[in-house]
């Protein structure tokens, strides 16, 4: 199962962690996993390479894991992460056994 956690700060989607294989098919033939991988990398690369936004990014191939959190923000990058969440939620509707997705509100440091 692929697990996705999206982080929300002050109502804005600021990052995510995606991990695991969906188990829809064998690795290399899993169209659900391929779709998630493509959406993930499109989001990361567009934000970093097109919008030139800074982010903390960690990719662990052994865990099939990508962690991504914005350091700098603009409207486009925030919207892209929100759009990624929406598309992943739509994919979960078709493949509920293969995707677990949740959004977590996080607090800014120094704010209670």
PDB file of N, CA and C in Angstrom:
ATOM      1  N   UNK A   1       0.842  -1.179   0.000  1.00  0.00           N
ATOM      2  CA  UNK A   1       0.000   0.000   0.000  1.00  0.00           C
ATOM      3  C   UNK A   1       0.887   1.242   0.000  1.00  0.00           C
ATOM      4  N   UNK A   2       0.503   2.219  -0.791  1.00  0.00           N
ATOM      5  CA  UNK A   2       1.183   3.509  -0.773  1.00  0.00           C
ATOM      6  C   UNK A   2       0.518   4.384   0.279  1.00  0.00           C
ATOM      7  N   UNK A   3       1.356   4.988   1.119  1.00  0.00           N
ATOM      8  CA  UNK A   3       0.857   5.886   2.159  1.00  0.00           C
ATOM      9  C   UNK A   3       1.293   7.306   1.826  1.00  0.00           C
ATOM     10  N   UNK A   4       0.351   8.232   1.929  1.00  0.00           N
ATOM     11  CA  UNK A   4       0.632   9.637   1.647  1.00  0.00           C
ATOM     12  C   UNK A   4       0.165  10.493   2.813  1.00  0.00           C
ATOM     13  N   UNK A   5       1.052  11.346   3.276  1.00  0.00           N
ATOM     14  CA  UNK A   5       0.714  12.319   4.310  1.00  0.00           C
ATOM     15  C   UNK A   5       1.010  13.698   3.728  1.00  0.00           C
ATOM     16  N   UNK A   6       0.016  14.572   3.766  1.00  0.00           N
ATOM     17  CA  UNK A   6       0.197  15.953   3.315  1.00  0.00           C
ATOM     18  C   UNK A   6       0.167  16.854   4.534  1.00  0.00           C
ATOM     19  N   UNK A   7       1.089  17.827   4.568  1.00  0.00           N
ATOM     20  CA  UNK A   7       1.180  18.739   5.700  1.00  0.00           C
ATOM     21  C   UNK A   7       0.521  20.065   5.347  1.00  0.00           C
ATOM     22  N   UNK A   8      -0.318  20.536   6.257  1.00  0.00           N
ATOM     23  CA  UNK A   8      -1.045  21.790   6.072  1.00  0.00           C
ATOM     24  C   UNK A   8      -0.624  22.756   7.174  1.00  0.00           C
ATOM     25  N   UNK A   9      -0.305  23.978   6.773  1.00  0.00           N
ATOM     26  CA  UNK A   9       0.039  25.025   7.728  1.00  0.00           C
ATOM     27  C   UNK A   9      -0.775  26.263   7.395  1.00  0.00           C
ATOM     28  N   UNK A  10      -1.552  26.723   8.346  1.00  0.00           N
ATOM     29  CA  UNK A  10      -2.415  27.896   8.135  1.00  0.00           C
ATOM     30  C   UNK A  10      -3.290  27.748   6.887  1.00  0.00           C
ATOM     31  N   UNK A  11      -3.813  26.546   6.682  1.00  0.00           N
ATOM     32  CA  UNK A  11      -4.712  26.298   5.567  1.00  0.00           C
ATOM     33  C   UNK A  11      -4.036  26.063   4.228  1.00  0.00           C
ATOM     34  N   UNK A  12      -2.699  26.086   4.195  1.00  0.00           N
ATOM     35  CA  UNK A  12      -1.961  25.890   2.939  1.00  0.00           C
ATOM     36  C   UNK A  12      -1.229  24.551   2.956  1.00  0.00           C
ATOM     37  N   UNK A  13      -1.318  23.822   1.861  1.00  0.00           N
ATOM     38  CA  UNK A  13      -0.610  22.552   1.715  1.00  0.00           C
ATOM     39  C   UNK A  13       0.847  22.879   1.416  1.00  0.00           C
ATOM     40  N   UNK A  14       1.756  22.529   2.352  1.00  0.00           N
ATOM     41  CA  UNK A  14       3.152  22.956   2.236  1.00  0.00           C
ATOM     42  C   UNK A  14       4.124  21.807   1.984  1.00  0.00           C
ATOM     43  N   UNK A  15       3.652  20.571   1.979  1.00  0.00           N
ATOM     44  CA  UNK A  15       4.554  19.461   1.736  1.00  0.00           C
ATOM     45  C   UNK A  15       3.848  18.127   1.876  1.00  0.00           C
ATOM     46  N   UNK A  16       4.635  17.066   1.697  1.00  0.00           N
ATOM     47  CA  UNK A  16       4.065  15.720   1.740  1.00  0.00           C
ATOM     48  C   UNK A  16       5.161  14.687   1.910  1.00  0.00           C
ATOM     49  N   UNK A  17       4.742  13.494   2.305  1.00  0.00           N
ATOM     50  CA  UNK A  17       5.595  12.316   2.264  1.00  0.00           C
ATOM     51  C   UNK A  17       4.784  11.200   1.628  1.00  0.00           C
ATOM     52  N   UNK A  18       5.362  10.583   0.618  1.00  0.00           N
ATOM     53  CA  UNK A  18       4.746   9.461  -0.091  1.00  0.00           C
ATOM     54  C   UNK A  18       5.675   8.269   0.100  1.00  0.00           C
ATOM     55  N   UNK A  19       5.133   7.107   0.507  1.00  0.00           N
ATOM     56  CA  UNK A  19       6.004   5.946   0.688  1.00  0.00           C
ATOM     57  C   UNK A  19       5.268   4.648   0.373  1.00  0.00           C
ATOM     58  N   UNK A  20       6.048   3.679  -0.061  1.00  0.00           N
ATOM     59  CA  UNK A  20       5.535   2.341  -0.299  1.00  0.00           C
ATOM     60  C   UNK A  20       5.019   2.107  -1.707  1.00  0.00           C
ATOM     61  N   UNK A  21       4.869   0.825  -2.032  1.00  0.00           N
ATOM     62  CA  UNK A  21       4.309   0.417  -3.323  1.00  0.00           C
ATOM     63  C   UNK A  21       2.829   0.079  -3.135  1.00  0.00           C
ATOM     64  N   UNK A  22       2.035   0.348  -4.143  1.00  0.00           N
ATOM     65  CA  UNK A  22       0.589   0.161  -4.016  1.00  0.00           C
ATOM     66  C   UNK A  22       0.181  -1.298  -3.919  1.00  0.00           C
ATOM     67  N   UNK A  23       0.965  -2.182  -4.510  1.00  0.00           N
ATOM     68  CA  UNK A  23       0.607  -3.591  -4.475  1.00  0.00           C
ATOM     69  C   UNK A  23      -0.508  -3.951  -5.440  1.00  0.00           C
ATOM     70  N   UNK A  24      -0.787  -3.053  -6.396  1.00  0.00           N
ATOM     71  CA  UNK A  24      -1.828  -3.319  -7.385  1.00  0.00           C
ATOM     72  C   UNK A  24      -1.384  -4.373  -8.394  1.00  0.00           C
ATOM     73  N   UNK A  25      -0.073  -4.450  -8.618  1.00  0.00           N
ATOM     74  CA  UNK A  25       0.506  -5.414  -9.547  1.00  0.00           C
ATOM     75  C   UNK A  25       1.972  -5.554  -9.156  1.00  0.00           C
ATOM     76  N   UNK A  26       2.716  -6.398  -9.854  1.00  0.00           N
ATOM     77  CA  UNK A  26       4.133  -6.550  -9.558  1.00  0.00           C
ATOM     78  C   UNK A  26       4.868  -5.260  -9.925  1.00  0.00           C
ATOM     79  N   UNK A  27       5.985  -5.022  -9.219  1.00  0.00           N
ATOM     80  CA  UNK A  27       6.783  -3.824  -9.493  1.00  0.00           C
ATOM     81  C   UNK A  27       7.198  -3.841 -10.956  1.00  0.00           C
ATOM     82  N   UNK A  28       7.030  -2.723 -11.620  1.00  0.00           N
ATOM     83  CA  UNK A  28       7.322  -2.608 -13.042  1.00  0.00           C
ATOM     84  C   UNK A  28       6.076  -2.721 -13.902  1.00  0.00           C
ATOM     85  N   UNK A  29       4.992  -3.254 -13.348  1.00  0.00           N
ATOM     86  CA  UNK A  29       3.734  -3.382 -14.089  1.00  0.00           C
ATOM     87  C   UNK A  29       2.556  -2.773 -13.324  1.00  0.00           C
ATOM     88  N   UNK A  30       2.865  -2.054 -12.259  1.00  0.00           N
ATOM     89  CA  UNK A  30       1.840  -1.484 -11.386  1.00  0.00           C
ATOM     90  C   UNK A  30       1.479  -0.078 -11.870  1.00  0.00           C
ATOM     91  N   UNK A  31       0.354   0.040 -12.570  1.00  0.00           N
ATOM     92  CA  UNK A  31      -0.022   1.334 -13.147  1.00  0.00           C
ATOM     93  C   UNK A  31      -0.414   2.351 -12.072  1.00  0.00           C
ATOM     94  N   UNK A  32      -0.913   1.891 -10.941  1.00  0.00           N
ATOM     95  CA  UNK A  32      -1.276   2.815  -9.863  1.00  0.00           C
ATOM     96  C   UNK A  32      -0.008   3.410  -9.256  1.00  0.00           C
ATOM     97  N   UNK A  33       0.968   2.569  -9.002  1.00  0.00           N
ATOM     98  CA  UNK A  33       2.241   3.034  -8.461  1.00  0.00           C
ATOM     99  C   UNK A  33       2.930   3.970  -9.468  1.00  0.00           C
ATOM    100  N   UNK A  34       2.868   3.622 -10.736  1.00  0.00           N
ATOM    101  CA  UNK A  34       3.469   4.468 -11.772  1.00  0.00           C
ATOM    102  C   UNK A  34       2.788   5.832 -11.829  1.00  0.00           C
ATOM    103  N   UNK A  35       1.475   5.857 -11.689  1.00  0.00           N
ATOM    104  CA  UNK A  35       0.744   7.132 -11.700  1.00  0.00           C
ATOM    105  C   UNK A  35       1.154   7.995 -10.513  1.00  0.00           C
ATOM    106  N   UNK A  36       1.262   7.385  -9.339  1.00  0.00           N
ATOM    107  CA  UNK A  36       1.658   8.138  -8.145  1.00  0.00           C
ATOM    108  C   UNK A  36       3.086   8.655  -8.290  1.00  0.00           C
ATOM    109  N   UNK A  37       3.986   7.820  -8.793  1.00  0.00           N
ATOM    110  CA  UNK A  37       5.369   8.249  -9.007  1.00  0.00           C
ATOM    111  C   UNK A  37       5.445   9.422  -9.975  1.00  0.00           C
ATOM    112  N   UNK A  38       4.698   9.339 -11.060  1.00  0.00           N
ATOM    113  CA  UNK A  38       4.702  10.419 -12.054  1.00  0.00           C
ATOM    114  C   UNK A  38       4.146  11.714 -11.462  1.00  0.00           C
ATOM    115  N   UNK A  39       3.040  11.624 -10.714  1.00  0.00           N
ATOM    116  CA  UNK A  39       2.466  12.825 -10.087  1.00  0.00           C
ATOM    117  C   UNK A  39       3.435  13.428  -9.072  1.00  0.00           C
ATOM    118  N   UNK A  40       4.088  12.560  -8.303  1.00  0.00           N
ATOM    119  CA  UNK A  40       5.027  13.035  -7.287  1.00  0.00           C
ATOM    120  C   UNK A  40       6.181  13.788  -7.926  1.00  0.00           C
ATOM    121  N   UNK A  41       6.812  13.184  -8.920  1.00  0.00           N
ATOM    122  CA  UNK A  41       7.976  13.818  -9.531  1.00  0.00           C
ATOM    123  C   UNK A  41       7.596  15.057 -10.336  1.00  0.00           C
ATOM    124  N   UNK A  42       6.433  15.060 -10.963  1.00  0.00           N
ATOM    125  CA  UNK A  42       5.962  16.266 -11.657  1.00  0.00           C
ATOM    126  C   UNK A  42       5.813  17.410 -10.655  1.00  0.00           C
ATOM    127  N   UNK A  43       5.234  17.122  -9.497  1.00  0.00           N
ATOM    128  CA  UNK A  43       5.046  18.148  -8.470  1.00  0.00           C
ATOM    129  C   UNK A  43       6.391  18.676  -7.974  1.00  0.00           C
ATOM    130  N   UNK A  44       7.288  17.781  -7.578  1.00  0.00           N
ATOM    131  CA  UNK A  44       8.599  18.175  -7.057  1.00  0.00           C
ATOM    132  C   UNK A  44       9.389  18.956  -8.101  1.00  0.00           C
ATOM    133  N   UNK A  45       9.480  18.428  -9.314  1.00  0.00           N
ATOM    134  CA  UNK A  45      10.289  19.075 -10.348  1.00  0.00           C
ATOM    135  C   UNK A  45       9.710  20.406 -10.800  1.00  0.00           C
ATOM    136  N   UNK A  46       8.404  20.520 -10.894  1.00  0.00           N
ATOM    137  CA  UNK A  46       7.799  21.790 -11.294  1.00  0.00           C
ATOM    138  C   UNK A  46       8.053  22.859 -10.238  1.00  0.00           C
ATOM    139  N   UNK A  47       7.869  22.511  -8.982  1.00  0.00           N
ATOM    140  CA  UNK A  47       8.083  23.491  -7.912  1.00  0.00           C
ATOM    141  C   UNK A  47       9.547  23.932  -7.856  1.00  0.00           C
ATOM    142  N   UNK A  48      10.474  22.983  -7.934  1.00  0.00           N
ATOM    143  CA  UNK A  48      11.898  23.314  -7.810  1.00  0.00           C
ATOM    144  C   UNK A  48      12.497  23.893  -9.088  1.00  0.00           C
ATOM    145  N   UNK A  49      12.186  23.312 -10.236  1.00  0.00           N
ATOM    146  CA  UNK A  49      12.837  23.711 -11.484  1.00  0.00           C
ATOM    147  C   UNK A  49      12.122  24.824 -12.234  1.00  0.00           C
ATOM    148  N   UNK A  50      10.809  24.866 -12.170  1.00  0.00           N
ATOM    149  CA  UNK A  50      10.048  25.888 -12.899  1.00  0.00           C
ATOM    150  C   UNK A  50       9.782  27.097 -12.005  1.00  0.00           C
ATOM    151  N   UNK A  51       9.226  26.840 -10.808  1.00  0.00           N
ATOM    152  CA  UNK A  51       8.921  27.944  -9.889  1.00  0.00           C
ATOM    153  C   UNK A  51      10.138  28.412  -9.098  1.00  0.00           C
ATOM    154  N   UNK A  52      11.233  27.632  -9.138  1.00  0.00           N
ATOM    155  CA  UNK A  52      12.485  27.973  -8.447  1.00  0.00           C
ATOM    156  C   UNK A  52      12.292  28.172  -6.943  1.00  0.00           C
ATOM    157  N   UNK A  53      11.426  27.359  -6.362  1.00  0.00           N
ATOM    158  CA  UNK A  53      11.178  27.430  -4.925  1.00  0.00           C
ATOM    159  C   UNK A  53      12.144  26.496  -4.198  1.00  0.00           C
ATOM    160  N   UNK A  54      12.543  26.904  -3.006  1.00  0.00           N
ATOM    161  CA  UNK A  54      13.426  26.079  -2.185  1.00  0.00           C
ATOM    162  C   UNK A  54      12.587  25.103  -1.361  1.00  0.00           C
ATOM    163  N   UNK A  55      13.131  23.894  -1.187  1.00  0.00           N
ATOM    164  CA  UNK A  55      12.400  22.868  -0.439  1.00  0.00           C
ATOM    165  C   UNK A  55      13.374  21.891   0.197  1.00  0.00           C
ATOM    166  N   UNK A  56      12.947  21.276   1.276  1.00  0.00           N
ATOM    167  CA  UNK A  56      13.661  20.135   1.844  1.00  0.00           C
ATOM    168  C   UNK A  56      13.121  18.902   1.139  1.00  0.00           C
ATOM    169  N   UNK A  57      14.003  18.187   0.464  1.00  0.00           N
ATOM    170  CA  UNK A  57      13.589  17.017  -0.305  1.00  0.00           C
ATOM    171  C   UNK A  57      14.443  15.820   0.083  1.00  0.00           C
ATOM    172  N   UNK A  58      13.806  14.687   0.288  1.00  0.00           N
ATOM    173  CA  UNK A  58      14.511  13.454   0.589  1.00  0.00           C
ATOM    174  C   UNK A  58      13.877  12.334  -0.232  1.00  0.00           C
ATOM    175  N   UNK A  59      14.723  11.610  -0.954  1.00  0.00           N
ATOM    176  CA  UNK A  59      14.251  10.475  -1.751  1.00  0.00           C
ATOM    177  C   UNK A  59      15.003   9.234  -1.288  1.00  0.00           C
ATOM    178  N   UNK A  60      14.270   8.199  -0.920  1.00  0.00           N
ATOM    179  CA  UNK A  60      14.851   6.944  -0.456  1.00  0.00           C
ATOM    180  C   UNK A  60      14.299   5.823  -1.334  1.00  0.00           C
ATOM    181  N   UNK A  61      15.088   5.413  -2.317  1.00  0.00           N
ATOM    182  CA  UNK A  61      14.642   4.374  -3.249  1.00  0.00           C
ATOM    183  C   UNK A  61      14.384   3.037  -2.556  1.00  0.00           C
ATOM    184  N   UNK A  62      15.139   2.728  -1.510  1.00  0.00           N
ATOM    185  CA  UNK A  62      14.960   1.437  -0.840  1.00  0.00           C
ATOM    186  C   UNK A  62      13.595   1.345  -0.149  1.00  0.00           C
ATOM    187  N   UNK A  63      13.038   2.483   0.279  1.00  0.00           N
ATOM    188  CA  UNK A  63      11.712   2.512   0.906  1.00  0.00           C
ATOM    189  C   UNK A  63      10.637   2.988  -0.061  1.00  0.00           C
ATOM    190  N   UNK A  64      11.023   3.299  -1.275  1.00  0.00           N
ATOM    191  CA  UNK A  64      10.101   3.910  -2.241  1.00  0.00           C
ATOM    192  C   UNK A  64       9.431   5.115  -1.588  1.00  0.00           C
ATOM    193  N   UNK A  65      10.280   6.031  -1.091  1.00  0.00           N
ATOM    194  CA  UNK A  65       9.788   7.150  -0.294  1.00  0.00           C
ATOM    195  C   UNK A  65      10.295   8.490  -0.812  1.00  0.00           C
ATOM    196  N   UNK A  66       9.389   9.476  -0.837  1.00  0.00           N
ATOM    197  CA  UNK A  66       9.749  10.855  -1.164  1.00  0.00           C
ATOM    198  C   UNK A  66       9.143  11.751  -0.094  1.00  0.00           C
ATOM    199  N   UNK A  67      10.002  12.576   0.510  1.00  0.00           N
ATOM    200  CA  UNK A  67       9.547  13.575   1.469  1.00  0.00           C
ATOM    201  C   UNK A  67       9.881  14.948   0.893  1.00  0.00           C
ATOM    202  N   UNK A  68       8.916  15.863   0.926  1.00  0.00           N
ATOM    203  CA  UNK A  68       9.076  17.168   0.283  1.00  0.00           C
ATOM    204  C   UNK A  68       8.356  18.222   1.111  1.00  0.00           C
ATOM    205  N   UNK A  69       9.103  19.255   1.531  1.00  0.00           N
ATOM    206  CA  UNK A  69       8.489  20.337   2.311  1.00  0.00           C
ATOM    207  C   UNK A  69       9.058  21.673   1.847  1.00  0.00           C
ATOM    208  N   UNK A  70       8.158  22.579   1.499  1.00  0.00           N
ATOM    209  CA  UNK A  70       8.569  23.887   1.009  1.00  0.00           C
ATOM    210  C   UNK A  70       9.309  24.682   2.076  1.00  0.00           C
ATOM    211  N   UNK A  71      10.397  25.358   1.642  1.00  0.00           N
ATOM    212  CA  UNK A  71      11.075  26.340   2.483  1.00  0.00           C
ATOM    213  C   UNK A  71      10.585  27.733   2.104  1.00  0.00           C
ATOM    214  N   UNK A  72      10.449  27.947   0.803  1.00  0.00           N
ATOM    215  CA  UNK A  72       9.909  29.210   0.296  1.00  0.00           C
ATOM    216  C   UNK A  72       8.613  28.879  -0.429  1.00  0.00           C
ATOM    217  N   UNK A  73       7.735  29.857  -0.525  1.00  0.00           N
ATOM    218  CA  UNK A  73       6.405  29.566  -1.066  1.00  0.00           C
ATOM    219  C   UNK A  73       5.944  30.652  -2.018  1.00  0.00           C
ATOM    220  N   UNK A  74       5.232  30.217  -3.032  1.00  0.00           N
ATOM    221  CA  UNK A  74       4.472  31.143  -3.870  1.00  0.00           C
ATOM    222  C   UNK A  74       3.125  30.487  -4.160  1.00  0.00           C
ATOM    223  N   UNK A  75       2.240  31.257  -4.718  1.00  0.00           N
ATOM    224  CA  UNK A  75       0.879  30.774  -4.957  1.00  0.00           C
ATOM    225  C   UNK A  75       0.869  29.531  -5.851  1.00  0.00           C
ATOM    226  N   UNK A  76       1.721  29.521  -6.870  1.00  0.00           N
ATOM    227  CA  UNK A  76       1.766  28.385  -7.788  1.00  0.00           C
ATOM    228  C   UNK A  76       2.203  27.096  -7.115  1.00  0.00           C
ATOM    229  N   UNK A  77       3.258  27.167  -6.300  1.00  0.00           N
ATOM    230  CA  UNK A  77       3.749  25.948  -5.645  1.00  0.00           C
ATOM    231  C   UNK A  77       2.752  25.430  -4.611  1.00  0.00           C
ATOM    232  N   UNK A  78       2.120  26.336  -3.880  1.00  0.00           N
ATOM    233  CA  UNK A  78       1.095  25.916  -2.918  1.00  0.00           C
ATOM    234  C   UNK A  78      -0.099  25.278  -3.626  1.00  0.00           C
ATOM    235  N   UNK A  79      -0.491  25.864  -4.737  1.00  0.00           N
ATOM    236  CA  UNK A  79      -1.605  25.316  -5.517  1.00  0.00           C
ATOM    237  C   UNK A  79      -1.272  23.970  -6.129  1.00  0.00           C
ATOM    238  N   UNK A  80      -0.024  23.801  -6.545  1.00  0.00           N
ATOM    239  CA  UNK A  80       0.390  22.532  -7.144  1.00  0.00           C
ATOM    240  C   UNK A  80       0.337  21.400  -6.114  1.00  0.00           C
ATOM    241  N   UNK A  81       0.793  21.665  -4.897  1.00  0.00           N
ATOM    242  CA  UNK A  81       0.721  20.632  -3.859  1.00  0.00           C
ATOM    243  C   UNK A  81      -0.735  20.306  -3.537  1.00  0.00           C
ATOM    244  N   UNK A  82      -1.581  21.320  -3.466  1.00  0.00           N
ATOM    245  CA  UNK A  82      -3.012  21.082  -3.204  1.00  0.00           C
ATOM    246  C   UNK A  82      -3.626  20.268  -4.346  1.00  0.00           C
ATOM    247  N   UNK A  83      -3.264  20.600  -5.583  1.00  0.00           N
ATOM    248  CA  UNK A  83      -3.758  19.848  -6.733  1.00  0.00           C
ATOM    249  C   UNK A  83      -3.286  18.402  -6.711  1.00  0.00           C
ATOM    250  N   UNK A  84      -2.042  18.172  -6.281  1.00  0.00           N
ATOM    251  CA  UNK A  84      -1.507  16.822  -6.146  1.00  0.00           C
ATOM    252  C   UNK A  84      -2.336  16.044  -5.124  1.00  0.00           C
ATOM    253  N   UNK A  85      -2.641  16.664  -3.992  1.00  0.00           N
ATOM    254  CA  UNK A  85      -3.491  16.023  -2.984  1.00  0.00           C
ATOM    255  C   UNK A  85      -4.846  15.647  -3.587  1.00  0.00           C
ATOM    256  N   UNK A  86      -5.458  16.580  -4.292  1.00  0.00           N
ATOM    257  CA  UNK A  86      -6.780  16.328  -4.887  1.00  0.00           C
ATOM    258  C   UNK A  86      -6.739  15.161  -5.870  1.00  0.00           C
ATOM    259  N   UNK A  87      -5.717  15.104  -6.716  1.00  0.00           N
ATOM    260  CA  UNK A  87      -5.600  14.016  -7.700  1.00  0.00           C
ATOM    261  C   UNK A  87      -5.343  12.676  -7.028  1.00  0.00           C
ATOM    262  N   UNK A  88      -4.510  12.683  -5.993  1.00  0.00           N
ATOM    263  CA  UNK A  88      -4.247  11.441  -5.271  1.00  0.00           C
ATOM    264  C   UNK A  88      -5.508  10.952  -4.557  1.00  0.00           C
ATOM    265  N   UNK A  89      -6.289  11.877  -4.005  1.00  0.00           N
ATOM    266  CA  UNK A  89      -7.560  11.510  -3.363  1.00  0.00           C
ATOM    267  C   UNK A  89      -8.528  10.923  -4.387  1.00  0.00           C
ATOM    268  N   UNK A  90      -8.543  11.474  -5.597  1.00  0.00           N
ATOM    269  CA  UNK A  90      -9.404  10.936  -6.658  1.00  0.00           C
ATOM    270  C   UNK A  90      -8.946   9.531  -7.063  1.00  0.00           C
ATOM    271  N   UNK A  91      -7.627   9.318  -7.139  1.00  0.00           N
ATOM    272  CA  UNK A  91      -7.095   7.998  -7.477  1.00  0.00           C
ATOM    273  C   UNK A  91      -7.452   6.985  -6.381  1.00  0.00           C
ATOM    274  N   UNK A  92      -7.439   7.427  -5.134  1.00  0.00           N
ATOM    275  CA  UNK A  92      -7.811   6.544  -4.016  1.00  0.00           C
ATOM    276  C   UNK A  92      -9.255   6.061  -4.145  1.00  0.00           C
ATOM    277  N   UNK A  93     -10.131   6.890  -4.693  1.00  0.00           N
ATOM    278  CA  UNK A  93     -11.527   6.471  -4.879  1.00  0.00           C
ATOM    279  C   UNK A  93     -11.619   5.248  -5.785  1.00  0.00           C
ATOM    280  N   UNK A  94     -10.742   5.175  -6.787  1.00  0.00           N
ATOM    281  CA  UNK A  94     -10.730   4.032  -7.703  1.00  0.00           C
ATOM    282  C   UNK A  94      -9.929   2.846  -7.157  1.00  0.00           C
ATOM    283  N   UNK A  95      -8.962   3.120  -6.286  1.00  0.00           N
ATOM    284  CA  UNK A  95      -8.082   2.074  -5.755  1.00  0.00           C
ATOM    285  C   UNK A  95      -7.968   2.193  -4.229  1.00  0.00           C
ATOM    286  N   UNK A  96      -9.079   2.046  -3.508  1.00  0.00           N
ATOM    287  CA  UNK A  96      -9.060   2.258  -2.053  1.00  0.00           C
ATOM    288  C   UNK A  96      -8.199   1.251  -1.286  1.00  0.00           C
ATOM    289  N   UNK A  97      -7.969   0.083  -1.861  1.00  0.00           N
ATOM    290  CA  UNK A  97      -7.158  -0.940  -1.189  1.00  0.00           C
ATOM    291  C   UNK A  97      -5.667  -0.668  -1.335  1.00  0.00           C
ATOM    292  N   UNK A  98      -5.300   0.261  -2.221  1.00  0.00           N
ATOM    293  CA  UNK A  98      -3.896   0.458  -2.553  1.00  0.00           C
ATOM    294  C   UNK A  98      -3.306   1.777  -2.077  1.00  0.00           C
ATOM    295  N   UNK A  99      -4.151   2.709  -1.644  1.00  0.00           N
ATOM    296  CA  UNK A  99      -3.678   4.046  -1.281  1.00  0.00           C
ATOM    297  C   UNK A  99      -4.288   4.470   0.053  1.00  0.00           C
ATOM    298  N   UNK A 100      -3.426   4.953   0.943  1.00  0.00           N
ATOM    299  CA  UNK A 100      -3.873   5.568   2.193  1.00  0.00           C
ATOM    300  C   UNK A 100      -3.399   7.020   2.149  1.00  0.00           C
ATOM    301  N   UNK A 101      -4.305   7.961   2.277  1.00  0.00           N
ATOM    302  CA  UNK A 101      -3.955   9.377   2.185  1.00  0.00           C
ATOM    303  C   UNK A 101      -4.579  10.128   3.354  1.00  0.00           C
ATOM    304  N   UNK A 102      -3.784  11.021   3.930  1.00  0.00           N
ATOM    305  CA  UNK A 102      -4.326  11.867   4.989  1.00  0.00           C
ATOM    306  C   UNK A 102      -3.619  13.218   4.967  1.00  0.00           C
ATOM    307  N   UNK A 103      -4.279  14.192   5.543  1.00  0.00           N
ATOM    308  CA  UNK A 103      -3.723  15.537   5.665  1.00  0.00           C
ATOM    309  C   UNK A 103      -3.603  15.858   7.148  1.00  0.00           C
ATOM    310  N   UNK A 104      -2.470  16.449   7.525  1.00  0.00           N
ATOM    311  CA  UNK A 104      -2.220  16.784   8.922  1.00  0.00           C
ATOM    312  C   UNK A 104      -1.917  18.266   9.053  1.00  0.00           C
ATOM    313  N   UNK A 105      -2.600  18.914   9.962  1.00  0.00           N
ATOM    314  CA  UNK A 105      -2.311  20.315  10.271  1.00  0.00           C
ATOM    315  C   UNK A 105      -1.065  20.350  11.148  1.00  0.00           C
ATOM    316  N   UNK A 106      -0.105  21.177  10.777  1.00  0.00           N
ATOM    317  CA  UNK A 106       1.095  21.333  11.597  1.00  0.00           C
ATOM    318  C   UNK A 106       1.144  22.763  12.112  1.00  0.00           C
ATOM    319  N   UNK A 107       1.775  22.927  13.249  1.00  0.00           N
ATOM    320  CA  UNK A 107       1.904  24.251  13.842  1.00  0.00           C
ATOM    321  C   UNK A 107       3.260  24.839  13.500  1.00  0.00           C
ATOM    322  N   UNK A 108       3.293  26.139  13.308  1.00  0.00           N
ATOM    323  CA  UNK A 108       4.569  26.826  13.112  1.00  0.00           C
ATOM    324  C   UNK A 108       5.343  26.773  14.417  1.00  0.00           C
ATOM    325  N   UNK A 109       6.668  26.723  14.316  1.00  0.00           N
ATOM    326  CA  UNK A 109       7.497  26.740  15.517  1.00  0.00           C
ATOM    327  C   UNK A 109       7.277  28.051  16.255  1.00  0.00           C
ATOM    328  N   UNK A 110       7.137  27.950  17.565  1.00  0.00           N
ATOM    329  CA  UNK A 110       6.944  29.141  18.371  1.00  0.00           C
ATOM    330  C   UNK A 110       5.502  29.598  18.451  1.00  0.00           C
ATOM    331  N   UNK A 111       4.594  28.891  17.775  1.00  0.00           N
ATOM    332  CA  UNK A 111       3.176  29.250  17.797  1.00  0.00           C
ATOM    333  C   UNK A 111       2.422  28.107  18.466  1.00  0.00           C
ATOM    334  N   UNK A 112       1.583  28.422  19.413  1.00  0.00           N
ATOM    335  CA  UNK A 112       0.808  27.367  20.082  1.00  0.00           C
ATOM    336  C   UNK A 112      -0.648  27.513  19.786  1.00  0.00           C
TER     337      UNK A 112
END
